[in-house]
């Protein structure tokens, strides 16, 4: 006996719900980090929580996600004494300011 349409629809909705729930923990899109003209890393769908460390310091960050980012000069997403993090809007790009240091990590901005 073939499965009923309502059973097939229920299974389809459950599958979609699981997929959408899994995506909530990630920012949709890509973060592209460069050092000069060299691409250091491209991060697809970065996690919404926690800190992402670049493999080396970067001079440029392009935010192609649907979330806002915070950029840090430390490898652990902390602000050093007398320093600051930089807020980068979705779809935005930022270049390191001379004397500030290279970007070493990023996180998704709260509410972003």
N, C-alpha and C. Protein backbone atom coordinates (compact mmCIF):
# COMPACT_ATOMS: atom_id res chain seq x y z
N UNK A 1 0.85 -1.17 0.00
CA UNK A 1 0.00 0.00 0.00
C UNK A 1 0.89 1.24 0.00
N UNK A 2 0.70 2.17 -0.95
CA UNK A 2 1.54 3.37 -1.02
C UNK A 2 1.25 4.31 0.14
N UNK A 3 2.27 5.07 0.58
CA UNK A 3 2.05 6.01 1.68
C UNK A 3 1.07 7.11 1.26
N UNK A 4 0.33 7.60 2.23
CA UNK A 4 -0.65 8.64 1.93
C UNK A 4 0.04 9.96 1.64
N UNK A 5 -0.70 10.83 0.96
CA UNK A 5 -0.15 12.16 0.65
C UNK A 5 0.12 12.96 1.91
N UNK A 6 -0.76 12.84 2.89
CA UNK A 6 -0.57 13.62 4.12
C UNK A 6 0.68 13.14 4.87
N UNK A 7 0.97 11.84 4.84
CA UNK A 7 2.18 11.33 5.47
C UNK A 7 3.42 11.85 4.74
N UNK A 8 3.37 11.83 3.41
CA UNK A 8 4.50 12.34 2.63
C UNK A 8 4.70 13.84 2.88
N UNK A 9 3.61 14.60 2.97
CA UNK A 9 3.71 16.04 3.25
C UNK A 9 4.29 16.28 4.64
N UNK A 10 3.86 15.49 5.63
CA UNK A 10 4.37 15.64 6.99
C UNK A 10 5.87 15.35 7.04
N UNK A 11 6.31 14.31 6.37
CA UNK A 11 7.73 13.97 6.33
C UNK A 11 8.52 15.09 5.65
N UNK A 12 7.97 15.64 4.57
CA UNK A 12 8.62 16.75 3.87
C UNK A 12 8.76 17.98 4.76
N UNK A 13 7.72 18.32 5.50
CA UNK A 13 7.76 19.47 6.40
C UNK A 13 8.75 19.25 7.54
N UNK A 14 8.79 18.04 8.06
CA UNK A 14 9.75 17.74 9.14
C UNK A 14 11.18 17.87 8.63
N UNK A 15 11.45 17.40 7.44
CA UNK A 15 12.78 17.50 6.86
C UNK A 15 13.17 18.97 6.66
N UNK A 16 12.25 19.76 6.14
CA UNK A 16 12.50 21.19 5.94
C UNK A 16 12.75 21.88 7.28
N UNK A 17 11.97 21.55 8.29
CA UNK A 17 12.15 22.15 9.61
C UNK A 17 13.52 21.85 10.20
N UNK A 18 13.99 20.62 10.05
CA UNK A 18 15.32 20.25 10.54
C UNK A 18 16.38 21.04 9.80
N UNK A 19 16.25 21.16 8.49
CA UNK A 19 17.23 21.90 7.69
C UNK A 19 17.26 23.37 8.08
N UNK A 20 16.10 23.98 8.27
CA UNK A 20 16.06 25.40 8.63
C UNK A 20 16.61 25.63 10.04
N UNK A 21 16.35 24.74 10.96
CA UNK A 21 16.88 24.87 12.31
C UNK A 21 18.39 24.80 12.30
N UNK A 22 18.95 23.93 11.50
CA UNK A 22 20.41 23.81 11.41
C UNK A 22 21.03 25.08 10.86
N UNK A 23 20.36 25.77 9.96
CA UNK A 23 20.90 26.99 9.34
C UNK A 23 20.86 28.19 10.27
N UNK A 24 20.02 28.17 11.31
CA UNK A 24 19.92 29.31 12.21
C UNK A 24 21.21 29.57 12.97
N UNK A 25 22.04 28.57 13.10
CA UNK A 25 23.28 28.73 13.85
C UNK A 25 24.40 29.30 13.01
N UNK A 26 24.14 29.60 11.74
CA UNK A 26 25.18 30.13 10.85
C UNK A 26 24.69 31.39 10.15
N UNK A 27 25.61 32.28 9.86
CA UNK A 27 25.32 33.47 9.08
C UNK A 27 25.39 33.09 7.60
N UNK A 28 24.35 33.35 6.86
CA UNK A 28 24.30 32.97 5.45
C UNK A 28 25.22 33.88 4.64
N UNK A 29 26.12 33.28 3.87
CA UNK A 29 27.01 34.04 3.01
C UNK A 29 28.47 33.73 3.28
N UNK A 30 29.34 34.63 2.82
CA UNK A 30 30.78 34.42 2.94
C UNK A 30 31.49 35.63 3.53
N UNK A 31 32.56 35.34 4.26
CA UNK A 31 33.49 36.36 4.73
C UNK A 31 34.80 36.08 4.00
N UNK A 32 35.30 37.08 3.27
CA UNK A 32 36.54 36.92 2.51
C UNK A 32 37.60 37.80 3.16
N UNK A 33 38.71 37.16 3.55
CA UNK A 33 39.80 37.87 4.23
C UNK A 33 41.04 37.83 3.35
N UNK A 34 41.67 39.01 3.19
CA UNK A 34 42.88 39.12 2.36
C UNK A 34 43.99 39.79 3.13
N UNK A 35 45.19 39.50 2.70
CA UNK A 35 46.37 40.23 3.17
C UNK A 35 46.99 40.81 1.92
N UNK A 36 46.80 42.11 1.71
CA UNK A 36 47.19 42.72 0.44
C UNK A 36 46.29 42.16 -0.65
N UNK A 37 46.88 41.62 -1.71
CA UNK A 37 46.10 41.04 -2.80
C UNK A 37 45.86 39.54 -2.63
N UNK A 38 46.48 38.95 -1.62
CA UNK A 38 46.39 37.50 -1.41
C UNK A 38 45.18 37.15 -0.55
N UNK A 39 44.32 36.26 -1.06
CA UNK A 39 43.19 35.77 -0.26
C UNK A 39 43.75 34.81 0.78
N UNK A 40 43.51 35.12 2.04
CA UNK A 40 43.99 34.30 3.15
C UNK A 40 42.97 33.22 3.49
N UNK A 41 41.69 33.61 3.46
CA UNK A 41 40.64 32.66 3.82
C UNK A 41 39.29 33.16 3.33
N UNK A 42 38.45 32.21 2.92
CA UNK A 42 37.06 32.47 2.62
C UNK A 42 36.25 31.56 3.53
N UNK A 43 35.41 32.15 4.37
CA UNK A 43 34.60 31.40 5.32
C UNK A 43 33.16 31.44 4.83
N UNK A 44 32.60 30.28 4.53
CA UNK A 44 31.21 30.19 4.10
C UNK A 44 30.31 29.87 5.29
N UNK A 45 29.23 30.61 5.40
CA UNK A 45 28.23 30.41 6.45
C UNK A 45 28.88 30.28 7.84
N UNK A 46 29.58 31.33 8.29
CA UNK A 46 30.26 31.25 9.58
C UNK A 46 29.27 31.09 10.73
N UNK A 47 29.70 30.43 11.82
CA UNK A 47 28.81 30.25 12.98
C UNK A 47 28.41 31.58 13.60
N UNK A 48 27.16 31.66 14.05
CA UNK A 48 26.67 32.88 14.69
C UNK A 48 27.26 33.10 16.07
N UNK A 49 27.72 32.04 16.70
CA UNK A 49 28.25 32.15 18.06
C UNK A 49 29.72 31.77 18.05
N UNK A 50 30.45 32.37 18.97
CA UNK A 50 31.86 32.04 19.10
C UNK A 50 32.75 32.95 18.28
N UNK A 51 34.01 32.60 18.26
CA UNK A 51 35.04 33.40 17.63
C UNK A 51 35.67 32.62 16.47
N UNK A 52 35.89 33.30 15.36
CA UNK A 52 36.58 32.68 14.24
C UNK A 52 37.95 33.33 14.09
N UNK A 53 38.99 32.54 14.14
CA UNK A 53 40.36 33.03 14.04
C UNK A 53 40.85 32.90 12.59
N UNK A 54 41.40 33.99 12.05
CA UNK A 54 42.02 33.91 10.73
C UNK A 54 43.34 33.15 10.85
N UNK A 55 43.74 32.37 9.83
CA UNK A 55 45.00 31.61 9.91
C UNK A 55 46.23 32.49 9.98
N UNK A 56 46.11 33.73 9.52
CA UNK A 56 47.17 34.73 9.65
C UNK A 56 46.51 36.09 9.67
N UNK A 57 47.24 37.12 10.06
CA UNK A 57 46.68 38.45 10.09
C UNK A 57 46.25 38.90 8.70
N UNK A 58 45.15 39.65 8.64
CA UNK A 58 44.63 40.11 7.35
C UNK A 58 44.48 41.63 7.34
N UNK A 59 44.59 42.21 6.14
CA UNK A 59 44.47 43.66 5.99
C UNK A 59 43.11 44.10 5.47
N UNK A 60 42.36 43.19 4.85
CA UNK A 60 41.05 43.51 4.27
C UNK A 60 40.05 42.42 4.62
N UNK A 61 38.82 42.83 4.94
CA UNK A 61 37.74 41.87 5.18
C UNK A 61 36.53 42.34 4.40
N UNK A 62 35.97 41.44 3.60
CA UNK A 62 34.72 41.70 2.88
C UNK A 62 33.63 40.84 3.50
N UNK A 63 32.55 41.47 3.92
CA UNK A 63 31.44 40.77 4.56
C UNK A 63 30.32 40.57 3.55
N UNK A 64 30.24 39.37 3.00
CA UNK A 64 29.18 39.03 2.04
C UNK A 64 28.13 38.15 2.71
N UNK A 65 27.92 38.36 4.02
CA UNK A 65 26.91 37.60 4.75
C UNK A 65 25.68 38.47 4.97
N UNK A 66 24.66 37.87 5.54
CA UNK A 66 23.45 38.59 5.90
C UNK A 66 23.49 39.02 7.37
N UNK A 67 24.70 39.09 7.93
CA UNK A 67 24.89 39.47 9.34
C UNK A 67 25.99 40.53 9.42
N UNK A 68 26.00 41.25 10.53
CA UNK A 68 27.05 42.22 10.81
C UNK A 68 28.17 41.53 11.58
N UNK A 69 29.40 41.99 11.38
CA UNK A 69 30.56 41.38 12.01
C UNK A 69 31.24 42.33 12.98
N UNK A 70 32.00 41.77 13.89
CA UNK A 70 32.94 42.52 14.72
C UNK A 70 34.32 41.99 14.39
N UNK A 71 35.25 42.88 14.05
CA UNK A 71 36.63 42.51 13.70
C UNK A 71 37.54 42.85 14.87
N UNK A 72 38.53 41.98 15.11
CA UNK A 72 39.44 42.15 16.24
C UNK A 72 40.89 42.01 15.79
N UNK A 73 41.78 42.69 16.50
CA UNK A 73 43.21 42.57 16.23
C UNK A 73 43.83 41.45 17.07
N UNK A 74 43.04 40.83 17.93
CA UNK A 74 43.50 39.71 18.75
C UNK A 74 42.99 38.40 18.16
N UNK A 75 43.66 37.28 18.43
CA UNK A 75 43.23 36.01 17.86
C UNK A 75 42.03 35.38 18.57
N UNK A 76 41.57 35.97 19.68
CA UNK A 76 40.50 35.36 20.46
C UNK A 76 39.28 36.26 20.64
N UNK A 77 39.07 37.18 19.71
CA UNK A 77 37.90 38.07 19.71
C UNK A 77 37.76 38.86 21.00
N UNK A 78 38.87 39.34 21.51
CA UNK A 78 38.84 40.22 22.68
C UNK A 78 39.42 41.57 22.28
N UNK A 79 39.05 42.58 23.03
CA UNK A 79 39.56 43.92 22.77
C UNK A 79 40.73 44.17 23.72
N UNK A 80 41.92 44.46 23.16
CA UNK A 80 43.08 44.71 24.04
C UNK A 80 42.92 46.04 24.77
N UNK A 81 43.61 46.22 25.90
CA UNK A 81 43.55 47.49 26.62
C UNK A 81 43.89 48.65 25.69
N UNK A 82 43.04 49.65 25.68
CA UNK A 82 43.25 50.81 24.83
C UNK A 82 42.89 50.57 23.37
N UNK A 83 42.43 49.38 23.04
CA UNK A 83 42.08 49.04 21.66
C UNK A 83 40.58 49.09 21.45
N UNK A 84 40.16 48.57 20.33
CA UNK A 84 38.74 48.53 20.00
C UNK A 84 38.47 47.44 18.98
N UNK A 85 37.20 47.03 18.89
CA UNK A 85 36.78 46.17 17.80
C UNK A 85 36.15 47.08 16.75
N UNK A 86 36.02 46.58 15.55
CA UNK A 86 35.42 47.36 14.46
C UNK A 86 34.15 46.66 14.01
N UNK A 87 33.09 47.41 13.88
CA UNK A 87 31.79 46.91 13.43
C UNK A 87 31.76 46.97 11.92
N UNK A 88 31.43 45.86 11.28
CA UNK A 88 31.38 45.80 9.82
C UNK A 88 29.99 45.36 9.38
N UNK A 89 29.26 46.28 8.73
CA UNK A 89 27.91 45.99 8.26
C UNK A 89 27.89 44.87 7.24
N UNK A 90 26.72 44.18 7.16
CA UNK A 90 26.55 43.17 6.12
C UNK A 90 26.73 43.82 4.76
N UNK A 91 27.42 43.13 3.89
CA UNK A 91 27.69 43.67 2.55
C UNK A 91 28.82 44.69 2.53
N UNK A 92 29.44 44.95 3.67
CA UNK A 92 30.48 45.96 3.76
C UNK A 92 31.88 45.39 3.62
N UNK A 93 32.85 46.30 3.54
CA UNK A 93 34.26 45.92 3.47
C UNK A 93 35.05 46.84 4.38
N UNK A 94 36.14 46.34 4.92
CA UNK A 94 36.96 47.17 5.79
C UNK A 94 38.43 46.88 5.52
N UNK A 95 39.21 47.92 5.58
CA UNK A 95 40.65 47.82 5.42
C UNK A 95 41.29 48.26 6.72
N UNK A 96 42.28 47.54 7.15
CA UNK A 96 42.95 47.84 8.41
C UNK A 96 43.57 49.25 8.35
N UNK A 97 43.44 49.99 9.42
CA UNK A 97 44.03 51.33 9.51
C UNK A 97 45.49 51.17 9.93
N UNK A 98 46.38 51.83 9.22
CA UNK A 98 47.81 51.75 9.55
C UNK A 98 48.01 52.09 11.02
N UNK A 99 48.81 51.29 11.69
CA UNK A 99 49.08 51.51 13.11
C UNK A 99 48.12 50.78 14.03
N UNK A 100 47.01 50.29 13.51
CA UNK A 100 46.04 49.58 14.34
C UNK A 100 46.42 48.11 14.49
N UNK A 101 47.08 47.55 13.51
CA UNK A 101 47.41 46.13 13.52
C UNK A 101 46.53 45.37 12.56
N UNK A 102 46.89 44.14 12.30
CA UNK A 102 46.13 43.30 11.37
C UNK A 102 44.91 42.71 12.07
N UNK A 103 43.87 42.40 11.26
CA UNK A 103 42.72 41.69 11.81
C UNK A 103 43.14 40.24 12.02
N UNK A 104 42.85 39.71 13.20
CA UNK A 104 43.23 38.33 13.52
C UNK A 104 42.03 37.44 13.81
N UNK A 105 40.84 38.02 14.04
CA UNK A 105 39.66 37.22 14.31
C UNK A 105 38.41 38.05 14.07
N UNK A 106 37.25 37.35 14.03
CA UNK A 106 35.98 38.02 13.91
C UNK A 106 34.89 37.20 14.60
N UNK A 107 33.80 37.88 14.91
CA UNK A 107 32.60 37.21 15.44
C UNK A 107 31.39 37.90 14.80
N UNK A 108 30.26 37.23 14.89
CA UNK A 108 29.01 37.80 14.40
C UNK A 108 28.52 38.78 15.48
N UNK A 109 28.17 40.00 15.08
CA UNK A 109 27.72 41.01 16.03
C UNK A 109 26.39 40.58 16.64
N UNK A 110 26.19 40.84 17.93
CA UNK A 110 24.91 40.50 18.57
C UNK A 110 23.76 41.13 17.82
N UNK A 111 22.71 40.37 17.62
CA UNK A 111 21.56 40.86 16.87
C UNK A 111 21.82 40.96 15.39
N UNK A 112 23.04 40.55 14.96
CA UNK A 112 23.40 40.65 13.56
C UNK A 112 23.15 39.41 12.86
